[in-house]
Protein backbone atom coordinates (compact mmCIF):
# COMPACT_ATOMS: atom_id res chain seq x y z
CA MET A 1 -2.34 30.35 12.24
CA SER A 2 -4.76 31.20 10.41
CA THR A 3 -6.84 28.63 8.31
CA ALA A 4 -5.65 30.37 5.09
CA ASP A 5 -2.05 28.50 6.53
CA PHE A 6 -3.05 25.36 6.56
CA ARG A 7 -2.94 23.76 3.18
CA PRO A 8 1.09 24.51 3.03
CA ALA A 9 1.25 22.96 6.90
CA LEU A 10 -0.68 19.87 5.70
CA ARG A 11 1.41 19.11 2.56
CA GLU A 12 4.63 19.48 4.46
CA MET A 13 3.06 16.61 6.90
CA PHE A 14 2.49 14.83 4.17
CA ASP A 15 6.22 15.26 2.42
CA ALA A 16 7.50 14.26 5.86
CA ALA A 17 5.44 11.12 6.04
CA VAL A 18 6.83 10.18 2.21
CA ALA A 19 10.66 10.86 3.40
CA ALA A 20 10.02 8.91 6.22
CA ALA A 21 10.03 5.79 4.53
CA SER A 22 12.68 6.71 1.87
CA PRO A 23 14.41 3.29 1.16
CA ALA A 24 17.42 5.33 0.58
CA VAL A 25 16.99 6.49 4.42
CA ARG A 26 15.70 3.49 5.97
CA LEU A 27 17.53 0.93 4.24
CA PRO A 28 21.25 0.75 4.42
CA PRO A 29 21.43 0.31 7.97
CA CYS A 30 19.37 -2.85 8.04
CA LEU A 31 21.42 -4.65 5.73
CA PRO A 32 22.84 -8.18 7.00
CA ALA A 33 26.40 -9.28 6.56
CA PRO A 34 27.79 -10.17 3.54
CA PRO A 35 27.25 -14.51 3.10
CA ARG A 36 30.45 -16.93 2.13
CA GLY A 37 28.79 -17.68 -0.87
CA ARG A 38 26.73 -15.73 -3.19
CA THR A 39 24.26 -12.90 -2.83
CA VAL A 40 21.09 -12.60 -5.03
CA VAL A 41 18.92 -10.11 -4.76
CA VAL A 42 15.28 -10.52 -5.98
CA GLY A 43 11.81 -8.24 -4.71
CA ALA A 44 8.58 -6.91 -5.87
CA GLY A 45 7.18 -3.74 -5.03
CA LYS A 46 6.29 -0.15 -5.58
CA ALA A 47 9.70 0.57 -3.62
CA ALA A 48 11.73 -2.14 -5.42
CA ALA A 49 13.59 -0.53 -8.00
CA ALA A 50 14.39 2.23 -5.09
CA MET A 51 15.43 -0.58 -2.21
CA ALA A 52 17.76 -2.37 -5.23
CA GLN A 53 19.40 0.75 -5.96
CA ALA A 54 20.08 1.41 -2.13
CA THR A 55 21.30 -2.03 -1.59
CA GLU A 56 23.65 -1.99 -4.19
CA ARG A 57 24.97 1.47 -3.67
CA HIS A 58 25.59 -0.17 0.13
CA TRP A 59 26.47 -3.69 0.13
CA PRO A 60 29.94 -4.23 0.13
CA GLY A 61 30.54 -7.99 -2.16
CA PRO A 62 29.41 -9.14 -5.22
CA LEU A 63 25.18 -9.43 -6.30
CA SER A 64 22.96 -10.13 -8.90
CA GLY A 65 19.51 -10.45 -9.03
CA LEU A 66 16.08 -8.84 -10.09
CA VAL A 67 13.29 -7.07 -9.17
CA ILE A 68 9.87 -6.16 -10.58
CA THR A 69 8.07 -2.75 -9.91
CA ARG A 70 5.41 -0.82 -11.34
CA TYR A 71 5.56 0.94 -14.77
CA ASP A 72 7.53 4.27 -14.24
CA HIS A 73 8.86 3.36 -10.59
CA GLY A 74 11.88 2.30 -11.79
CA ALA A 75 15.23 3.55 -10.52
CA ASP A 76 19.37 2.78 -12.33
CA CYS A 77 20.77 0.03 -10.91
CA ARG A 78 24.06 -1.64 -11.99
CA ALA A 79 24.45 -5.24 -11.46
CA ILE A 80 20.21 -6.36 -10.15
CA GLU A 81 17.95 -5.91 -13.52
CA VAL A 82 14.96 -3.85 -12.47
CA VAL A 83 11.80 -5.07 -14.87
CA GLU A 84 8.72 -2.48 -14.53
CA ALA A 85 5.16 -4.59 -14.76
CA ALA A 86 1.48 -3.68 -14.48
CA HIS A 87 -0.31 -2.77 -10.97
CA PRO A 88 -2.78 -3.41 -9.64
CA VAL A 89 -3.78 -6.21 -12.12
CA PRO A 90 -1.21 -8.08 -13.25
CA ASP A 91 0.31 -8.49 -16.68
CA ALA A 92 2.46 -10.87 -18.69
CA ALA A 93 5.69 -8.54 -17.61
CA GLY A 94 5.24 -9.58 -14.27
CA ARG A 95 4.29 -13.11 -14.70
CA ASP A 96 7.74 -13.36 -16.56
CA ALA A 97 9.85 -11.81 -14.56
CA ALA A 98 8.25 -13.56 -11.42
CA ALA A 99 8.98 -17.36 -13.36
CA ARG A 100 12.95 -15.69 -13.80
CA ILE A 101 12.57 -14.95 -10.05
CA LEU A 102 11.65 -17.95 -8.92
CA ALA A 103 14.21 -19.89 -11.03
CA MET A 104 16.93 -17.83 -9.18
CA VAL A 105 16.43 -18.68 -6.09
CA ARG A 106 16.44 -22.40 -6.88
CA GLY A 107 19.65 -24.67 -6.39
CA LEU A 108 21.15 -22.22 -4.07
CA GLY A 109 23.46 -23.70 -1.04
CA GLU A 110 23.24 -23.08 2.59
CA ASP A 111 26.64 -20.40 2.35
CA ASP A 112 24.49 -18.70 -0.35
CA LEU A 113 21.94 -15.24 0.71
CA VAL A 114 18.86 -13.97 -0.77
CA LEU A 115 18.01 -10.81 -0.25
CA CYS A 116 14.27 -9.95 -0.74
CA LEU A 117 13.10 -6.74 -1.51
CA ILE A 118 9.48 -6.55 -0.21
CA SER A 119 7.42 -3.51 -0.40
CA GLY A 120 3.54 -2.98 -1.31
CA GLY A 121 2.35 -3.83 -4.85
CA GLY A 122 4.05 -6.60 -4.67
CA SER A 123 1.13 -9.18 -5.20
CA SER A 124 0.09 -7.67 -8.54
CA LEU A 125 3.53 -7.43 -9.52
CA LEU A 126 5.39 -10.63 -8.45
CA THR A 127 2.41 -12.54 -10.16
CA LEU A 128 3.03 -16.18 -11.14
CA PRO A 129 -0.55 -18.55 -11.32
CA ALA A 130 -0.46 -21.61 -10.43
CA GLU A 131 -0.58 -24.46 -12.13
CA GLY A 132 -4.12 -24.61 -14.24
CA VAL A 133 -4.84 -21.11 -13.51
CA ALA A 134 -4.62 -18.83 -16.24
CA LEU A 135 -2.99 -15.30 -16.47
CA ALA A 136 -6.29 -13.94 -17.91
CA ASP A 137 -8.60 -15.33 -14.85
CA LYS A 138 -6.11 -14.15 -12.57
CA GLN A 139 -6.66 -10.61 -14.38
CA ALA A 140 -10.38 -11.22 -14.00
CA LEU A 141 -10.57 -12.32 -10.49
CA ASN A 142 -8.20 -9.13 -9.44
CA LYS A 143 -10.60 -6.22 -11.08
CA ALA A 144 -13.33 -8.07 -9.62
CA LEU A 145 -11.71 -8.28 -5.85
CA LEU A 146 -10.28 -4.35 -6.24
CA ARG A 147 -14.41 -3.27 -6.75
CA SER A 148 -15.92 -5.47 -4.21
CA GLY A 149 -15.15 -3.45 -1.05
CA ALA A 150 -12.81 -6.47 0.09
CA THR A 151 -9.71 -6.08 3.03
CA ILE A 152 -6.49 -5.85 1.60
CA ALA A 153 -5.76 -8.76 4.15
CA GLU A 154 -8.59 -11.09 2.35
CA ILE A 155 -7.54 -10.13 -0.95
CA ASN A 156 -3.74 -11.55 0.06
CA CYS A 157 -5.10 -14.68 1.07
CA VAL A 158 -6.91 -15.22 -2.28
CA ARG A 159 -3.71 -14.32 -4.27
CA LYS A 160 -1.56 -16.59 -2.21
CA HIS A 161 -3.34 -19.71 -3.33
CA LEU A 162 -3.89 -18.74 -6.91
CA SER A 163 0.40 -18.41 -6.84
CA ALA A 164 3.31 -20.81 -7.61
CA ILE A 165 5.33 -17.87 -5.46
CA LYS A 166 3.54 -16.33 -2.64
CA GLY A 167 2.23 -17.23 0.54
CA GLY A 168 5.95 -18.74 1.36
CA ARG A 169 6.90 -20.43 -1.70
CA LEU A 170 9.67 -18.36 -2.62
CA ALA A 171 11.47 -18.96 0.18
CA ALA A 172 10.61 -22.73 -0.01
CA ALA A 173 11.98 -22.36 -3.40
CA ALA A 174 15.21 -21.37 -1.62
CA TRP A 175 16.23 -23.34 0.53
CA PRO A 176 18.67 -24.11 2.12
CA ALA A 177 19.98 -20.85 1.56
CA ARG A 178 19.33 -18.40 4.22
CA VAL A 179 16.21 -15.74 3.27
CA VAL A 180 16.05 -12.41 4.71
CA ALA A 181 13.40 -10.20 3.81
CA LEU A 182 13.58 -6.27 3.60
CA SER A 183 9.95 -5.19 3.56
CA ILE A 184 8.50 -1.72 3.56
CA SER A 185 4.97 -2.05 5.29
CA ASP A 186 1.67 -0.99 3.54
CA VAL A 187 -0.63 -3.11 5.42
CA PRO A 188 -2.71 -2.58 8.83
CA GLY A 189 -0.95 -4.47 11.36
CA ASP A 190 2.45 -4.41 9.57
CA ASP A 191 1.67 -8.69 9.05
CA PRO A 192 4.39 -9.56 6.84
CA SER A 193 2.67 -12.68 5.52
CA VAL A 194 0.23 -9.65 3.98
CA ILE A 195 2.74 -7.49 2.78
CA ALA A 196 3.22 -8.48 -0.71
CA SER A 197 1.14 -11.34 0.00
CA GLY A 198 4.37 -12.82 1.84
CA PRO A 199 6.47 -14.69 -0.56
CA THR A 200 8.93 -15.60 2.10
CA VAL A 201 6.36 -16.33 5.31
CA ALA A 202 4.36 -18.65 6.27
CA ASP A 203 0.66 -18.31 5.21
CA PRO A 204 -1.72 -19.42 8.50
CA THR A 205 -4.62 -18.81 5.64
CA THR A 206 -5.92 -22.37 3.74
CA PHE A 207 -7.55 -22.58 0.23
CA GLY A 208 -11.11 -22.59 2.63
CA ASP A 209 -10.67 -18.95 3.63
CA ALA A 210 -9.76 -17.88 -0.01
CA LEU A 211 -12.74 -19.72 -1.00
CA ALA A 212 -14.77 -18.29 1.72
CA VAL A 213 -13.87 -14.75 0.56
CA LEU A 214 -14.72 -15.00 -2.85
CA ARG A 215 -18.24 -16.38 -1.31
CA ARG A 216 -18.63 -13.47 0.94
CA TYR A 217 -18.75 -10.75 -1.92
CA GLY A 218 -20.53 -12.54 -4.16
CA ILE A 219 -17.87 -13.23 -6.81
CA HIS A 220 -18.76 -16.35 -8.75
CA GLU A 221 -16.54 -16.43 -11.61
CA PRO A 222 -13.99 -17.40 -13.28
CA GLN A 223 -15.05 -20.45 -13.13
CA SER A 224 -11.35 -22.25 -13.28
CA VAL A 225 -10.08 -20.33 -10.16
CA LEU A 226 -13.47 -21.58 -8.59
CA ALA A 227 -12.39 -25.14 -9.19
CA HIS A 228 -8.55 -24.54 -8.40
CA LEU A 229 -9.59 -23.22 -4.66
CA ALA A 230 -12.69 -25.83 -4.40
CA ALA A 231 -9.64 -28.98 -5.41
CA GLY A 232 -7.47 -27.72 -2.85
CA GLY A 233 -4.03 -29.14 -3.91
CA ASP A 234 -0.79 -28.25 -2.35
CA GLU A 235 -1.19 -25.67 0.07
CA THR A 236 1.28 -22.98 1.01
CA PRO A 237 3.61 -23.28 4.05
CA LYS A 238 2.40 -22.77 7.04
CA PRO A 239 4.06 -22.38 10.69
CA GLY A 240 7.04 -24.58 11.75
CA ASP A 241 7.67 -25.77 7.86
CA PRO A 242 11.52 -26.19 8.06
CA ALA A 243 11.74 -24.83 4.65
CA LEU A 244 11.11 -21.67 6.17
CA ALA A 245 13.52 -22.24 9.17
CA ARG A 246 16.31 -20.15 7.17
CA SER A 247 13.86 -17.19 6.52
CA GLU A 248 13.64 -13.74 8.09
CA VAL A 249 11.76 -10.49 7.86
CA VAL A 250 12.97 -7.61 8.73
CA MET A 251 10.84 -4.19 8.75
CA LEU A 252 12.44 -1.23 7.19
CA ALA A 253 9.60 1.30 7.39
CA THR A 254 5.81 1.33 9.09
CA PRO A 255 2.61 2.94 8.56
CA GLN A 256 3.25 4.16 12.03
CA ASP A 257 6.90 5.93 11.32
CA ALA A 258 5.18 8.23 8.99
CA LEU A 259 2.63 9.03 11.54
CA GLU A 260 5.41 9.94 14.00
CA ALA A 261 7.19 12.43 11.37
CA ALA A 262 4.19 13.84 10.38
CA ALA A 263 3.24 14.39 14.14
CA ALA A 264 6.61 15.98 14.33
CA VAL A 265 6.19 18.97 11.85
CA ALA A 266 2.94 19.43 13.06
CA ARG A 267 4.62 20.12 16.52
CA ALA A 268 7.10 22.88 14.67
CA HIS A 269 3.64 24.56 13.56
CA GLY A 270 2.31 24.64 16.45
CA LEU A 271 -0.44 21.96 16.65
CA VAL A 272 -1.06 19.34 18.74
CA PRO A 273 -0.78 16.25 17.24
CA LEU A 274 -2.76 13.27 17.67
CA ILE A 275 -2.28 10.00 16.21
CA LEU A 276 -5.91 7.97 16.04
CA GLY A 277 -4.14 4.81 14.66
CA ASN A 278 -1.91 3.56 11.92
CA ALA A 279 -4.12 0.72 11.23
CA ILE A 280 -7.44 1.80 10.58
CA GLU A 281 -9.60 -0.13 7.73
CA GLY A 282 -13.31 0.43 6.22
CA GLU A 283 -15.13 1.81 3.27
CA ALA A 284 -13.70 5.23 2.57
CA ARG A 285 -16.54 6.89 3.40
CA ASP A 286 -17.70 5.07 6.34
CA VAL A 287 -13.75 6.18 7.77
CA ALA A 288 -14.78 9.44 6.85
CA LEU A 289 -17.71 9.83 8.75
CA MET A 290 -15.93 8.66 11.67
CA HIS A 291 -12.53 11.36 11.20
CA ALA A 292 -15.61 13.97 10.78
CA GLY A 293 -17.35 13.29 13.77
CA ILE A 294 -13.94 13.33 16.18
CA ALA A 295 -13.06 16.65 14.39
CA ARG A 296 -16.35 18.22 15.17
CA GLN A 297 -16.06 17.32 18.80
CA VAL A 298 -12.57 18.82 18.82
CA ALA A 299 -13.86 21.81 17.20
CA ARG A 300 -16.70 22.05 19.68
CA TYR A 301 -15.58 20.61 22.81
CA GLY A 302 -12.08 20.77 22.71
CA GLN A 303 -11.67 17.11 22.98
CA PRO A 304 -10.10 14.96 23.21
CA VAL A 305 -7.66 17.77 22.58
CA ALA A 306 -7.64 21.32 22.36
CA PRO A 307 -7.44 23.31 19.11
CA PRO A 308 -5.03 24.38 17.07
CA CYS A 309 -4.10 20.39 16.24
CA VAL A 310 -4.37 17.71 13.86
CA LEU A 311 -5.47 14.21 13.92
CA LEU A 312 -3.69 11.81 11.74
CA SER A 313 -4.49 8.48 10.91
CA GLY A 314 -2.73 6.21 8.01
CA GLY A 315 -4.19 2.06 7.05
CA GLU A 316 -6.10 0.97 3.70
CA THR A 317 -9.48 1.71 3.21
CA THR A 318 -11.51 0.11 0.57
CA VAL A 319 -14.30 1.42 -2.07
CA SER A 320 -17.31 -0.42 -2.85
CA VAL A 321 -17.24 0.77 -6.85
CA ARG A 322 -20.70 1.21 -7.85
CA GLY A 323 -20.58 4.65 -9.69
CA LYS A 324 -18.71 5.58 -13.43
CA GLY A 325 -16.74 8.47 -12.10
CA ARG A 326 -12.93 8.31 -11.33
CA GLY A 327 -11.06 8.58 -7.82
CA GLY A 328 -9.72 6.48 -5.37
CA ARG A 329 -9.80 6.05 -1.84
CA ASN A 330 -8.22 9.03 -0.47
CA ALA A 331 -10.44 10.99 -2.83
CA GLU A 332 -13.14 9.09 -1.75
CA PHE A 333 -12.24 9.41 1.91
CA LEU A 334 -11.86 13.61 1.13
CA LEU A 335 -14.94 13.98 -0.55
CA ALA A 336 -16.85 12.20 2.26
CA LEU A 337 -15.69 14.12 4.62
CA ALA A 338 -15.96 17.33 2.96
CA VAL A 339 -20.05 16.31 2.52
CA ALA A 340 -20.08 15.50 6.45
CA LEU A 341 -18.30 18.49 7.64
CA ASP A 342 -20.43 21.10 5.68
CA GLY A 343 -17.95 23.68 4.50
CA HIS A 344 -16.46 23.51 8.78
CA PRO A 345 -14.66 27.42 9.02
CA ARG A 346 -12.28 26.02 10.98
CA ILE A 347 -11.09 22.39 9.78
CA SER A 348 -8.84 21.51 6.73
CA ALA A 349 -7.92 17.91 5.46
CA ILE A 350 -5.43 16.37 3.41
CA ALA A 351 -5.45 11.95 2.44
CA CYS A 352 -2.90 11.04 0.18
CA ASP A 353 -1.20 7.88 -0.64
CA THR A 354 2.47 7.63 0.18
CA ASP A 355 3.01 5.50 -3.22
CA GLY A 356 2.30 8.81 -4.89
CA ILE A 357 -0.56 6.91 -6.94
CA ASP A 358 -4.60 7.15 -5.52
CA GLY A 359 -5.72 4.09 -6.86
CA THR A 360 -5.25 3.72 -10.57
CA GLU A 361 -5.06 7.82 -11.43
CA ASP A 362 -2.08 10.39 -11.80
CA ASN A 363 -2.64 12.04 -7.67
CA CYS A 364 -1.85 10.83 -4.72
CA GLY A 365 -4.54 12.47 -3.30
CA ALA A 366 -6.33 15.37 -2.74
CA VAL A 367 -6.48 18.78 -0.04
CA LEU A 368 -10.05 20.18 1.41
CA VAL A 369 -10.15 23.74 3.11
CA PRO A 370 -12.63 25.24 4.56
CA ASP A 371 -14.01 27.20 1.35
CA THR A 372 -14.32 23.74 -0.69
CA LEU A 373 -17.77 23.27 -0.76
CA ALA A 374 -18.39 27.28 -1.54
CA ARG A 375 -15.81 26.76 -4.17
CA ALA A 376 -18.03 23.67 -5.67
CA ALA A 377 -21.13 25.36 -6.05
CA ALA A 378 -20.03 28.24 -7.77
CA LEU A 379 -18.58 25.92 -10.38
CA SER A 380 -22.28 24.19 -10.21
CA LEU A 381 -20.25 20.77 -8.32
CA ARG A 382 -22.71 18.92 -6.72
CA PRO A 383 -20.71 17.29 -4.19
CA ARG A 384 -22.50 14.39 -3.16
CA ASP A 385 -23.88 13.50 -6.87
CA ALA A 386 -19.56 13.10 -7.20
CA LEU A 387 -19.65 10.82 -4.31
CA ALA A 388 -22.62 8.74 -5.44
CA ASP A 389 -20.46 8.45 -8.50
CA ASN A 390 -17.33 7.29 -6.58
CA ASP A 391 -16.02 10.88 -8.47
CA GLY A 392 -13.62 12.23 -6.07
CA TYR A 393 -11.05 12.54 -8.53
CA GLY A 394 -13.27 14.42 -11.00
CA PHE A 395 -14.70 16.55 -7.92
CA PHE A 396 -11.01 18.17 -6.58
CA GLN A 397 -9.69 18.29 -9.96
CA ALA A 398 -12.22 20.83 -11.17
CA LEU A 399 -11.29 22.81 -7.92
CA GLY A 400 -7.69 22.41 -8.62
CA ASP A 401 -7.06 20.53 -5.54
CA LEU A 402 -5.30 17.47 -6.65
CA ILE A 403 -1.81 16.57 -5.43
CA VAL A 404 -0.09 15.02 -7.62
CA THR A 405 3.36 14.23 -6.80
CA GLY A 406 4.60 11.85 -8.95
CA PRO A 407 5.45 8.08 -7.67
CA THR A 408 7.43 8.24 -4.44
CA ARG A 409 9.29 5.15 -5.01
CA THR A 410 8.24 3.76 -1.73
CA ASN A 411 4.76 2.77 0.26
CA VAL A 412 3.49 3.29 3.89
CA ASN A 413 -0.19 3.16 2.86
CA ASP A 414 -2.60 5.84 3.10
CA PHE A 415 -2.10 8.85 4.84
CA ARG A 416 -4.60 11.31 6.73
CA ALA A 417 -4.40 14.77 8.27
CA ILE A 418 -6.84 16.85 9.56
CA VAL A 419 -5.75 20.32 10.78
CA ILE A 420 -8.57 21.87 13.04
CA GLY A 421 -7.59 25.64 13.88
CA ALA A 422 -8.73 27.49 17.19
CA GLU A 423 -11.15 29.67 17.63
């Protein structure tokens, strides 16, 4: 296979990774048995509408409920209401729908079942500020955290302690009903307490931990938020809390599932797959340097795998925004990779978010091929300047190398594939 053939193979690997996390495929076999009482379906996330649709199609009895998904991520449902709201910065639509969800699960009995459909993005969508915290203050804090370079676990630690519904509070409100959370993981390590800030899961973190996150990243406002965290108050439910004794989590799909699906495609194309990890974190440009180093080692020495091969990885990188350009973490990763590889003639790559949206842009990622930098130079594009300005989107848009899928209605986080061709 020549390097000219790698672009379609890379795209096929990404498509397989997304398909491996499809709610229509992964959810039906995991549905619990119907209860003797009522079935109430609630949930939030980028996959929530697709999960609700799959639930309706395969549930054998009556049900009702409400789920929240991102704008333009809806799906047609009959019995389950779908509300669209803002992500990654919450809005009033998400707040009002979250309040309705909390009201729906209160007052249920032991014979009732709450099906909670959870996926990435749920932290912003299922937003219900704690007493004394204004929505505008949560919005301001979200923006600051997203620009800070904090990890998703750190961000969600803060979110849980500013919420009336996350960090196990939703399941506690549903007691004594049985709660089954069907989850699609978008977080490194697949920790259910981090996915969508764990609305049905005990929270091991504290108000003190949340305050420490803000101090770590130099976030000193809004004052109402800092005052709320400093005061402590009503802690989130902790492990062993009896109010969570009838709550369980079923993991439907994970980043590892996506990487293994991509590996199968790679083998069909005659490429040896090497999965570097499904939970890689760190600054996108630093992660790119690490991947570039491994790719060069493979190309030069055939270690730790001989070409033709593909390096696969997942996880969630971060971007400390200092410039004024456009671009999510996958475009940032790929631009940094391009700079580090400096037009290596045997290396091509793709980096995309499996939800179809890279940050807040309309693309899911981009593709890198050996002549990327040469084509950029012909257009007078300066990759290092673009990287300094956090403008991965603008760089790859000018080259026609953005990948646009639209919302995939699932989310198992970032997907990266780097092909090293044979000599």
